[in-house]
N, C-alpha and C. Protein backbone atom coordinates (compact mmCIF):
# COMPACT_ATOMS: atom_id res chain seq x y z
N UNK A 1 0.84 -1.17 0.00
CA UNK A 1 0.00 0.00 0.00
C UNK A 1 0.89 1.24 0.00
N UNK A 2 0.75 2.07 -0.96
CA UNK A 2 1.56 3.26 -1.11
C UNK A 2 1.00 4.39 -0.26
N UNK A 3 1.82 4.95 0.62
CA UNK A 3 1.39 6.10 1.41
C UNK A 3 1.60 7.36 0.59
N UNK A 4 2.79 7.50 0.02
CA UNK A 4 3.13 8.69 -0.74
C UNK A 4 4.28 8.35 -1.66
N UNK A 5 4.15 8.68 -2.93
CA UNK A 5 5.24 8.46 -3.87
C UNK A 5 5.94 9.79 -4.08
N UNK A 6 7.15 9.91 -3.51
CA UNK A 6 7.88 11.17 -3.58
C UNK A 6 8.59 11.36 -4.90
N UNK A 7 8.78 10.29 -5.67
CA UNK A 7 9.45 10.43 -6.96
C UNK A 7 8.59 11.22 -7.93
N UNK A 8 7.28 11.19 -7.75
CA UNK A 8 6.39 11.88 -8.68
C UNK A 8 6.05 13.30 -8.24
N UNK A 9 6.49 13.68 -7.03
CA UNK A 9 6.21 15.03 -6.57
C UNK A 9 7.51 15.81 -6.53
N UNK A 10 7.52 16.98 -7.16
CA UNK A 10 8.72 17.81 -7.10
C UNK A 10 8.34 19.11 -6.40
N UNK A 11 8.94 19.35 -5.22
CA UNK A 11 8.57 20.53 -4.46
C UNK A 11 8.92 21.80 -5.23
N UNK A 12 7.96 22.72 -5.30
CA UNK A 12 8.17 23.98 -5.99
C UNK A 12 8.39 25.13 -5.01
N UNK A 13 8.47 24.82 -3.72
CA UNK A 13 8.62 25.84 -2.70
C UNK A 13 10.09 26.23 -2.60
N UNK A 14 10.36 27.52 -2.59
CA UNK A 14 11.72 28.00 -2.41
C UNK A 14 12.05 27.99 -0.93
N UNK A 15 13.26 27.57 -0.57
CA UNK A 15 13.63 27.58 0.84
C UNK A 15 13.89 29.01 1.29
N UNK A 16 13.67 29.26 2.58
CA UNK A 16 13.79 30.61 3.11
C UNK A 16 15.24 31.06 3.17
N UNK A 17 16.15 30.15 3.48
CA UNK A 17 17.57 30.49 3.53
C UNK A 17 18.35 29.40 2.83
N UNK A 18 19.63 29.69 2.61
CA UNK A 18 20.49 28.72 1.93
C UNK A 18 20.74 27.48 2.78
N UNK A 19 20.55 27.56 4.09
CA UNK A 19 20.82 26.41 4.95
C UNK A 19 19.58 25.58 5.25
N UNK A 20 18.42 25.98 4.75
CA UNK A 20 17.21 25.20 5.00
C UNK A 20 17.08 24.08 3.97
N UNK A 21 16.57 22.95 4.43
CA UNK A 21 16.41 21.76 3.61
C UNK A 21 15.12 21.08 4.01
N UNK A 22 14.50 20.37 3.07
CA UNK A 22 13.30 19.60 3.41
C UNK A 22 13.70 18.29 4.06
N UNK A 23 13.04 17.99 5.17
CA UNK A 23 13.26 16.75 5.91
C UNK A 23 11.92 16.05 6.11
N UNK A 24 11.97 14.73 6.20
CA UNK A 24 10.81 13.95 6.60
C UNK A 24 10.92 13.74 8.10
N UNK A 25 9.86 14.10 8.82
CA UNK A 25 9.80 13.87 10.26
C UNK A 25 9.04 12.58 10.50
N UNK A 26 9.57 11.73 11.37
CA UNK A 26 8.93 10.44 11.65
C UNK A 26 9.30 9.99 13.06
N UNK A 27 8.58 9.00 13.56
CA UNK A 27 8.87 8.42 14.87
C UNK A 27 9.59 7.11 14.68
N UNK A 28 10.76 7.00 15.30
CA UNK A 28 11.50 5.73 15.29
C UNK A 28 10.86 4.79 16.31
N UNK A 29 10.52 5.34 17.45
CA UNK A 29 9.87 4.61 18.54
C UNK A 29 8.82 5.58 19.11
N UNK A 30 7.91 5.11 19.96
CA UNK A 30 6.86 6.00 20.46
C UNK A 30 7.36 7.31 21.07
N UNK A 31 8.52 7.31 21.68
CA UNK A 31 9.00 8.54 22.32
C UNK A 31 10.26 9.11 21.65
N UNK A 32 10.53 8.72 20.41
CA UNK A 32 11.74 9.17 19.73
C UNK A 32 11.42 9.65 18.32
N UNK A 33 11.52 10.96 18.11
CA UNK A 33 11.24 11.57 16.81
C UNK A 33 12.56 11.78 16.07
N UNK A 34 12.53 11.57 14.76
CA UNK A 34 13.74 11.71 13.95
C UNK A 34 13.43 12.43 12.66
N UNK A 35 14.48 12.87 11.99
CA UNK A 35 14.40 13.55 10.71
C UNK A 35 15.37 12.88 9.75
N UNK A 36 15.02 12.91 8.46
CA UNK A 36 15.94 12.49 7.41
C UNK A 36 15.70 13.39 6.22
N UNK A 37 16.80 13.80 5.56
CA UNK A 37 16.67 14.71 4.42
C UNK A 37 15.94 14.02 3.27
N UNK A 38 15.07 14.78 2.59
CA UNK A 38 14.33 14.26 1.45
C UNK A 38 15.26 13.99 0.28
N UNK A 39 16.16 14.93 0.01
CA UNK A 39 17.06 14.83 -1.14
C UNK A 39 18.39 15.46 -0.75
N UNK A 40 19.47 14.70 -0.89
CA UNK A 40 20.77 15.16 -0.46
C UNK A 40 21.83 14.86 -1.50
N UNK A 41 22.59 15.86 -1.93
CA UNK A 41 23.77 15.63 -2.75
C UNK A 41 24.89 15.27 -1.78
N UNK A 42 25.55 14.14 -2.02
CA UNK A 42 26.54 13.64 -1.08
C UNK A 42 27.97 13.90 -1.50
N UNK A 43 28.17 14.67 -2.55
CA UNK A 43 29.54 14.88 -3.03
C UNK A 43 29.94 13.75 -3.94
N UNK A 44 31.22 13.40 -3.94
CA UNK A 44 31.72 12.37 -4.85
C UNK A 44 32.44 11.28 -4.10
N UNK A 45 32.32 10.07 -4.61
CA UNK A 45 33.09 8.94 -4.14
C UNK A 45 33.82 8.39 -5.34
N UNK A 46 35.14 8.32 -5.25
CA UNK A 46 35.98 7.88 -6.36
C UNK A 46 35.68 8.68 -7.63
N UNK A 47 35.43 9.97 -7.45
CA UNK A 47 35.17 10.85 -8.59
C UNK A 47 33.79 10.72 -9.19
N UNK A 48 32.92 9.94 -8.56
CA UNK A 48 31.56 9.74 -9.07
C UNK A 48 30.56 10.42 -8.15
N UNK A 49 29.77 11.39 -8.67
CA UNK A 49 28.79 12.09 -7.83
C UNK A 49 27.76 11.13 -7.23
N UNK A 50 27.40 11.38 -5.96
CA UNK A 50 26.40 10.56 -5.27
C UNK A 50 25.26 11.43 -4.77
N UNK A 51 24.08 10.80 -4.68
CA UNK A 51 22.90 11.48 -4.18
C UNK A 51 22.08 10.47 -3.38
N UNK A 52 21.45 10.95 -2.31
CA UNK A 52 20.55 10.13 -1.52
C UNK A 52 19.20 10.82 -1.51
N UNK A 53 18.11 10.05 -1.67
CA UNK A 53 16.79 10.67 -1.64
C UNK A 53 15.74 9.65 -1.20
N UNK A 54 14.65 10.18 -0.66
CA UNK A 54 13.51 9.34 -0.31
C UNK A 54 12.67 9.23 -1.57
N UNK A 55 12.37 8.00 -1.98
CA UNK A 55 11.59 7.81 -3.21
C UNK A 55 10.14 7.43 -2.95
N UNK A 56 9.86 6.85 -1.80
CA UNK A 56 8.49 6.42 -1.55
C UNK A 56 8.29 6.15 -0.06
N UNK A 57 7.06 6.35 0.40
CA UNK A 57 6.65 6.00 1.75
C UNK A 57 5.55 4.96 1.61
N UNK A 58 5.74 3.79 2.22
CA UNK A 58 4.78 2.71 2.05
C UNK A 58 4.50 2.04 3.40
N UNK A 59 3.47 1.23 3.42
CA UNK A 59 3.21 0.31 4.52
C UNK A 59 3.57 -1.08 4.01
N UNK A 60 4.56 -1.73 4.64
CA UNK A 60 4.92 -3.08 4.21
C UNK A 60 4.10 -4.10 4.99
N UNK A 61 3.84 -5.21 4.36
CA UNK A 61 3.18 -6.32 5.05
C UNK A 61 4.26 -7.09 5.79
N UNK A 62 4.24 -7.00 7.08
CA UNK A 62 5.32 -7.53 7.90
C UNK A 62 5.47 -9.05 7.74
N UNK A 63 4.37 -9.75 7.43
CA UNK A 63 4.46 -11.20 7.26
C UNK A 63 5.13 -11.60 5.93
N UNK A 64 5.41 -10.63 5.07
CA UNK A 64 6.08 -10.91 3.80
C UNK A 64 7.57 -10.58 3.84
N UNK A 65 8.07 -10.20 5.00
CA UNK A 65 9.50 -9.96 5.17
C UNK A 65 10.18 -11.32 5.32
N UNK A 66 11.22 -11.54 4.54
CA UNK A 66 11.94 -12.81 4.59
C UNK A 66 13.20 -12.62 5.44
N UNK A 67 13.22 -13.20 6.65
CA UNK A 67 14.42 -13.09 7.48
C UNK A 67 15.52 -13.97 6.91
N UNK A 68 16.74 -13.53 7.03
CA UNK A 68 17.89 -14.30 6.57
C UNK A 68 18.80 -14.57 7.75
N UNK A 69 19.52 -15.69 7.73
CA UNK A 69 20.39 -16.01 8.87
C UNK A 69 21.59 -15.07 8.94
N UNK A 70 22.09 -14.90 10.16
CA UNK A 70 23.33 -14.19 10.44
C UNK A 70 23.31 -12.71 10.06
N UNK A 71 22.14 -12.09 10.15
CA UNK A 71 22.06 -10.66 9.88
C UNK A 71 22.39 -9.89 11.15
N UNK A 72 23.01 -8.74 11.03
CA UNK A 72 23.32 -7.94 12.22
C UNK A 72 22.04 -7.38 12.84
N UNK A 73 22.10 -6.98 14.10
CA UNK A 73 20.92 -6.39 14.74
C UNK A 73 20.43 -5.18 13.94
N UNK A 74 19.13 -5.08 13.80
CA UNK A 74 18.55 -3.98 13.06
C UNK A 74 18.17 -4.33 11.64
N UNK A 75 18.83 -5.33 11.06
CA UNK A 75 18.50 -5.74 9.69
C UNK A 75 17.46 -6.85 9.79
N UNK A 76 16.23 -6.55 9.34
CA UNK A 76 15.12 -7.48 9.49
C UNK A 76 15.15 -8.61 8.47
N UNK A 77 15.61 -8.31 7.27
CA UNK A 77 15.59 -9.27 6.17
C UNK A 77 15.33 -8.55 4.87
N UNK A 78 14.70 -9.27 3.93
CA UNK A 78 14.43 -8.68 2.62
C UNK A 78 12.93 -8.71 2.33
N UNK A 79 12.53 -7.86 1.39
CA UNK A 79 11.13 -7.69 1.03
C UNK A 79 11.06 -7.50 -0.48
N UNK A 80 10.04 -8.07 -1.10
CA UNK A 80 9.85 -7.91 -2.54
C UNK A 80 9.13 -6.60 -2.78
N UNK A 81 9.86 -5.60 -3.31
CA UNK A 81 9.31 -4.28 -3.60
C UNK A 81 9.43 -4.03 -5.09
N UNK A 82 8.29 -4.06 -5.77
CA UNK A 82 8.25 -3.84 -7.21
C UNK A 82 9.16 -4.80 -7.98
N UNK A 83 9.23 -6.02 -7.50
CA UNK A 83 10.06 -7.02 -8.15
C UNK A 83 11.53 -6.93 -7.81
N UNK A 84 11.91 -6.01 -6.94
CA UNK A 84 13.30 -5.84 -6.52
C UNK A 84 13.47 -6.35 -5.09
N UNK A 85 14.68 -6.79 -4.76
CA UNK A 85 14.99 -7.18 -3.39
C UNK A 85 15.30 -5.92 -2.61
N UNK A 86 14.54 -5.69 -1.55
CA UNK A 86 14.69 -4.51 -0.73
C UNK A 86 15.12 -4.93 0.68
N UNK A 87 16.33 -4.51 1.09
CA UNK A 87 16.77 -4.76 2.46
C UNK A 87 15.93 -3.91 3.39
N UNK A 88 15.48 -4.48 4.50
CA UNK A 88 14.69 -3.74 5.49
C UNK A 88 15.49 -3.58 6.78
N UNK A 89 15.52 -2.35 7.26
CA UNK A 89 16.25 -2.01 8.47
C UNK A 89 15.26 -1.44 9.48
N UNK A 90 15.24 -2.00 10.67
CA UNK A 90 14.41 -1.46 11.75
C UNK A 90 15.25 -0.39 12.45
N UNK A 91 14.89 0.87 12.25
CA UNK A 91 15.70 1.96 12.80
C UNK A 91 15.76 1.94 14.32
N UNK A 92 14.68 1.52 14.98
CA UNK A 92 14.68 1.46 16.45
C UNK A 92 15.74 0.47 16.93
N UNK A 93 15.86 -0.65 16.26
CA UNK A 93 16.89 -1.65 16.60
C UNK A 93 18.28 -1.11 16.27
N UNK A 94 18.40 -0.44 15.13
CA UNK A 94 19.70 0.04 14.68
C UNK A 94 20.28 1.10 15.61
N UNK A 95 19.44 2.02 16.07
CA UNK A 95 19.95 3.07 16.97
C UNK A 95 19.91 2.65 18.44
N UNK A 96 19.44 1.43 18.71
CA UNK A 96 19.51 0.89 20.06
C UNK A 96 18.39 1.27 20.98
N UNK A 97 17.21 1.61 20.43
CA UNK A 97 16.09 1.98 21.30
C UNK A 97 15.02 0.88 21.38
N UNK A 98 15.27 -0.27 20.78
CA UNK A 98 14.29 -1.36 20.82
C UNK A 98 15.00 -2.65 21.19
N UNK A 99 14.22 -3.59 21.67
CA UNK A 99 14.77 -4.90 22.01
C UNK A 99 14.50 -5.87 20.87
N UNK A 100 15.09 -7.04 20.95
CA UNK A 100 14.88 -8.05 19.91
C UNK A 100 13.47 -8.63 19.94
N UNK A 101 12.71 -8.37 21.00
CA UNK A 101 11.33 -8.86 21.09
C UNK A 101 10.33 -7.81 20.62
N UNK A 102 10.76 -6.92 19.79
CA UNK A 102 9.92 -5.82 19.30
C UNK A 102 8.69 -6.36 18.58
N UNK A 103 7.55 -5.71 18.79
CA UNK A 103 6.29 -6.10 18.13
C UNK A 103 6.04 -5.18 16.95
N UNK A 104 5.65 -5.77 15.86
CA UNK A 104 5.35 -5.00 14.64
C UNK A 104 3.87 -5.07 14.36
N UNK A 105 3.37 -4.07 13.64
CA UNK A 105 1.99 -4.10 13.15
C UNK A 105 1.95 -4.94 11.88
N UNK A 106 0.78 -5.36 11.47
CA UNK A 106 0.69 -6.14 10.23
C UNK A 106 1.10 -5.30 9.02
N UNK A 107 0.76 -4.00 9.02
CA UNK A 107 1.24 -3.06 8.01
C UNK A 107 2.14 -2.05 8.72
N UNK A 108 3.43 -2.11 8.43
CA UNK A 108 4.40 -1.29 9.13
C UNK A 108 4.89 -0.15 8.24
N UNK A 109 4.82 1.13 8.72
CA UNK A 109 5.31 2.25 7.92
C UNK A 109 6.79 2.08 7.58
N UNK A 110 7.12 2.35 6.32
CA UNK A 110 8.49 2.16 5.83
C UNK A 110 8.86 3.29 4.89
N UNK A 111 10.08 3.78 5.05
CA UNK A 111 10.63 4.83 4.19
C UNK A 111 11.56 4.16 3.19
N UNK A 112 11.28 4.31 1.89
CA UNK A 112 12.16 3.75 0.87
C UNK A 112 13.19 4.83 0.52
N UNK A 113 14.44 4.53 0.82
CA UNK A 113 15.54 5.46 0.61
C UNK A 113 16.42 4.93 -0.51
N UNK A 114 16.79 5.80 -1.45
CA UNK A 114 17.64 5.39 -2.57
C UNK A 114 18.95 6.15 -2.53
N UNK A 115 20.02 5.46 -2.88
CA UNK A 115 21.33 6.08 -3.03
C UNK A 115 21.75 5.88 -4.48
N UNK A 116 22.06 6.99 -5.16
CA UNK A 116 22.39 6.94 -6.57
C UNK A 116 23.83 7.41 -6.77
N UNK A 117 24.58 6.64 -7.54
CA UNK A 117 25.93 7.01 -7.92
C UNK A 117 25.98 7.11 -9.43
N UNK A 118 26.47 8.24 -9.94
CA UNK A 118 26.61 8.39 -11.38
C UNK A 118 27.81 7.58 -11.85
N UNK A 119 27.61 6.78 -12.88
CA UNK A 119 28.66 5.90 -13.37
C UNK A 119 29.67 6.66 -14.22
N UNK A 120 29.21 7.52 -15.11
CA UNK A 120 30.14 8.23 -16.00
C UNK A 120 30.09 9.74 -15.86
N UNK A 121 29.48 10.24 -14.77
CA UNK A 121 29.42 11.68 -14.55
C UNK A 121 28.26 12.35 -15.26
N UNK A 122 27.39 11.58 -15.89
CA UNK A 122 26.25 12.14 -16.62
C UNK A 122 24.97 11.67 -15.97
N UNK A 123 24.00 12.56 -15.81
CA UNK A 123 22.71 12.16 -15.26
C UNK A 123 21.64 12.13 -16.34
N UNK A 124 22.06 12.21 -17.60
CA UNK A 124 21.10 12.30 -18.70
C UNK A 124 20.34 10.99 -18.91
N UNK A 125 20.99 9.88 -18.67
CA UNK A 125 20.34 8.59 -18.92
C UNK A 125 20.34 7.73 -17.68
N UNK A 126 19.29 6.97 -17.50
CA UNK A 126 19.18 6.06 -16.36
C UNK A 126 20.31 5.04 -16.38
N UNK A 127 20.74 4.62 -17.57
CA UNK A 127 21.79 3.61 -17.69
C UNK A 127 23.12 4.11 -17.14
N UNK A 128 23.27 5.43 -17.00
CA UNK A 128 24.52 6.01 -16.52
C UNK A 128 24.56 6.11 -15.00
N UNK A 129 23.56 5.53 -14.31
CA UNK A 129 23.50 5.63 -12.85
C UNK A 129 23.38 4.25 -12.23
N UNK A 130 23.94 4.12 -11.04
CA UNK A 130 23.81 2.90 -10.25
C UNK A 130 22.99 3.28 -9.02
N UNK A 131 21.87 2.59 -8.78
CA UNK A 131 21.01 2.96 -7.67
C UNK A 131 20.77 1.76 -6.77
N UNK A 132 20.81 2.02 -5.46
CA UNK A 132 20.48 1.00 -4.46
C UNK A 132 19.37 1.55 -3.59
N UNK A 133 18.51 0.68 -3.09
CA UNK A 133 17.43 1.09 -2.21
C UNK A 133 17.45 0.25 -0.94
N UNK A 134 17.01 0.87 0.15
CA UNK A 134 16.75 0.15 1.39
C UNK A 134 15.44 0.67 1.96
N UNK A 135 14.82 -0.14 2.80
CA UNK A 135 13.60 0.27 3.49
C UNK A 135 13.91 0.50 4.95
N UNK A 136 13.54 1.66 5.45
CA UNK A 136 13.73 2.00 6.85
C UNK A 136 12.39 1.85 7.56
N UNK A 137 12.26 0.83 8.37
CA UNK A 137 11.02 0.54 9.08
C UNK A 137 10.95 1.41 10.32
N UNK A 138 9.84 2.14 10.45
CA UNK A 138 9.67 3.11 11.55
C UNK A 138 8.32 2.89 12.22
N UNK A 139 8.06 3.60 13.30
CA UNK A 139 6.78 3.49 13.99
C UNK A 139 5.69 4.32 13.35
N UNK A 140 6.04 5.52 12.90
CA UNK A 140 5.03 6.41 12.34
C UNK A 140 5.70 7.44 11.44
N UNK A 141 5.07 7.73 10.31
CA UNK A 141 5.55 8.76 9.40
C UNK A 141 4.70 9.99 9.63
N UNK A 142 5.35 11.15 9.86
CA UNK A 142 4.62 12.37 10.19
C UNK A 142 4.49 13.28 8.98
N UNK A 143 5.42 14.21 8.78
CA UNK A 143 5.28 15.22 7.75
C UNK A 143 6.61 15.56 7.10
N UNK A 144 6.52 16.21 5.94
CA UNK A 144 7.68 16.79 5.29
C UNK A 144 7.70 18.27 5.67
N UNK A 145 8.84 18.71 6.23
CA UNK A 145 8.94 20.07 6.73
C UNK A 145 10.32 20.64 6.42
N UNK A 146 10.44 21.96 6.50
CA UNK A 146 11.72 22.64 6.31
C UNK A 146 12.43 22.75 7.65
N UNK A 147 13.73 22.42 7.69
CA UNK A 147 14.55 22.57 8.88
C UNK A 147 15.87 23.21 8.47
N UNK A 148 16.45 23.93 9.40
CA UNK A 148 17.71 24.62 9.13
C UNK A 148 18.87 23.66 9.44
N UNK A 149 19.60 23.27 8.39
CA UNK A 149 20.73 22.34 8.56
C UNK A 149 21.80 22.92 9.48
N UNK A 150 21.95 24.25 9.48
CA UNK A 150 22.98 24.88 10.30
C UNK A 150 22.72 24.70 11.80
N UNK A 151 21.49 24.36 12.17
CA UNK A 151 21.15 24.18 13.58
C UNK A 151 21.28 22.74 14.05
N UNK A 152 21.75 21.86 13.19
CA UNK A 152 21.96 20.46 13.59
C UNK A 152 23.26 20.37 14.36
N UNK A 153 23.17 19.91 15.60
CA UNK A 153 24.36 19.74 16.44
C UNK A 153 24.88 18.32 16.30
N UNK A 154 26.17 18.16 16.04
CA UNK A 154 26.73 16.81 15.91
C UNK A 154 26.68 16.07 17.24
N UNK A 155 26.62 14.75 17.14
CA UNK A 155 26.64 13.89 18.32
C UNK A 155 27.96 13.13 18.36
N UNK A 156 28.08 12.31 19.37
CA UNK A 156 29.24 11.45 19.53
C UNK A 156 29.46 10.63 18.24
N UNK A 157 30.67 10.65 17.66
CA UNK A 157 30.93 9.93 16.41
C UNK A 157 30.69 8.43 16.49
N UNK A 158 30.61 7.87 17.71
CA UNK A 158 30.35 6.43 17.82
C UNK A 158 28.91 6.08 17.41
N UNK A 159 28.04 7.08 17.33
CA UNK A 159 26.66 6.86 16.86
C UNK A 159 26.64 7.01 15.34
N UNK A 160 27.05 5.98 14.65
CA UNK A 160 27.26 6.05 13.21
C UNK A 160 25.99 6.34 12.41
N UNK A 161 24.83 6.01 12.93
CA UNK A 161 23.60 6.15 12.15
C UNK A 161 22.92 7.50 12.35
N UNK A 162 23.45 8.29 13.27
CA UNK A 162 22.85 9.57 13.61
C UNK A 162 23.83 10.69 13.26
N UNK A 163 23.40 11.60 12.41
CA UNK A 163 24.25 12.73 12.00
C UNK A 163 24.30 13.81 13.07
N UNK A 164 23.24 13.94 13.85
CA UNK A 164 23.21 14.95 14.89
C UNK A 164 21.82 15.09 15.48
N UNK A 165 21.61 16.21 16.17
CA UNK A 165 20.33 16.49 16.83
C UNK A 165 19.89 17.89 16.43
N UNK A 166 18.61 18.03 16.14
CA UNK A 166 18.00 19.34 15.87
C UNK A 166 17.01 19.60 17.00
N UNK A 167 17.10 20.78 17.60
CA UNK A 167 16.22 21.13 18.72
C UNK A 167 15.17 22.13 18.25
N UNK A 168 13.90 21.81 18.52
CA UNK A 168 12.80 22.68 18.12
C UNK A 168 12.70 23.88 19.06
N UNK A 169 11.86 24.84 18.70
CA UNK A 169 11.65 26.03 19.54
C UNK A 169 11.00 25.67 20.87
N UNK A 170 10.32 24.51 20.93
CA UNK A 170 9.71 24.07 22.18
C UNK A 170 10.68 23.26 23.05
N UNK A 171 11.89 23.05 22.54
CA UNK A 171 12.90 22.31 23.30
C UNK A 171 12.95 20.82 22.99
N UNK A 172 12.10 20.33 22.09
CA UNK A 172 12.11 18.91 21.74
C UNK A 172 13.31 18.62 20.84
N UNK A 173 14.01 17.52 21.12
CA UNK A 173 15.14 17.10 20.30
C UNK A 173 14.71 16.07 19.28
N UNK A 174 15.13 16.25 18.03
CA UNK A 174 14.88 15.31 16.96
C UNK A 174 16.23 14.76 16.49
N UNK A 175 16.38 13.44 16.45
CA UNK A 175 17.59 12.84 15.88
C UNK A 175 17.58 13.05 14.38
N UNK A 176 18.73 13.36 13.81
CA UNK A 176 18.85 13.49 12.36
C UNK A 176 19.58 12.24 11.87
N UNK A 177 18.86 11.37 11.17
CA UNK A 177 19.39 10.10 10.71
C UNK A 177 20.30 10.32 9.50
N UNK A 178 21.43 9.61 9.48
CA UNK A 178 22.38 9.67 8.37
C UNK A 178 22.12 8.46 7.47
N UNK A 179 21.32 8.69 6.43
CA UNK A 179 20.98 7.60 5.51
C UNK A 179 22.19 7.00 4.82
N UNK A 180 23.17 7.82 4.47
CA UNK A 180 24.34 7.29 3.78
C UNK A 180 25.14 6.34 4.66
N UNK A 181 25.18 6.60 5.96
CA UNK A 181 25.89 5.70 6.88
C UNK A 181 25.22 4.32 6.87
N UNK A 182 23.91 4.29 6.72
CA UNK A 182 23.21 3.01 6.64
C UNK A 182 23.54 2.31 5.33
N UNK A 183 23.57 3.07 4.23
CA UNK A 183 23.94 2.47 2.94
C UNK A 183 25.37 1.95 2.92
N UNK A 184 26.23 2.60 3.65
CA UNK A 184 27.65 2.22 3.64
C UNK A 184 27.93 0.88 4.31
N UNK A 185 26.94 0.32 4.97
CA UNK A 185 27.13 -1.00 5.58
C UNK A 185 27.37 -2.03 4.48
N UNK A 186 28.40 -2.79 4.60
CA UNK A 186 28.68 -3.81 3.59
C UNK A 186 27.66 -4.94 3.66
N UNK A 187 26.92 -5.09 4.78
CA UNK A 187 25.92 -6.15 4.93
C UNK A 187 24.85 -6.08 3.85
N UNK A 188 24.56 -4.87 3.34
CA UNK A 188 23.47 -4.72 2.40
C UNK A 188 23.89 -5.00 0.96
N UNK A 189 25.18 -5.20 0.72
CA UNK A 189 25.65 -5.45 -0.64
C UNK A 189 25.76 -6.93 -0.94
N UNK A 190 25.48 -7.76 0.02
CA UNK A 190 25.61 -9.21 -0.21
C UNK A 190 24.53 -9.67 -1.20
N UNK A 191 24.89 -10.63 -2.00
CA UNK A 191 23.92 -11.21 -2.93
C UNK A 191 22.96 -12.10 -2.16
N UNK A 192 21.70 -12.01 -2.52
CA UNK A 192 20.69 -12.83 -1.85
C UNK A 192 20.32 -13.98 -2.75
């Protein structure tokens, strides 16, 4: 069931300042709110430009997740998404806020995140890009909002999945998830 297809929507709103960016706000756990950038240019790796973006928000059928042996904590298994193998990551498990006895709903909100690397430096053709997707399983998807990147405070570098914390005007702290750090896990590149 598709909640929102972000690939078909292109925001026409101009940001208020150069440091503002659109983020998706969501709940990792009932008492933990997080943000992730909608679209991020990641610079270059080995001279090849990279980009990370949210392509879709869906509810996955939890009984269709295929668990695989010897997966690290937080990696639930794989899911058939549009005929593609989609690795599923439980963010609450990954950031250490859930136990292994976590209960899921039959339809669990999931953020489909894509990482694109240009193969030859051209974005003109799909064939010139290499794209990987993962599903980030969360408790609740809230809204797309503008946040000031300059106000993100870094956290302890040992928290590899969290880029920092953004504090609202009411004093609430939101974790800012680093999607690229999740993609950089070699566990997700294994052939299934």
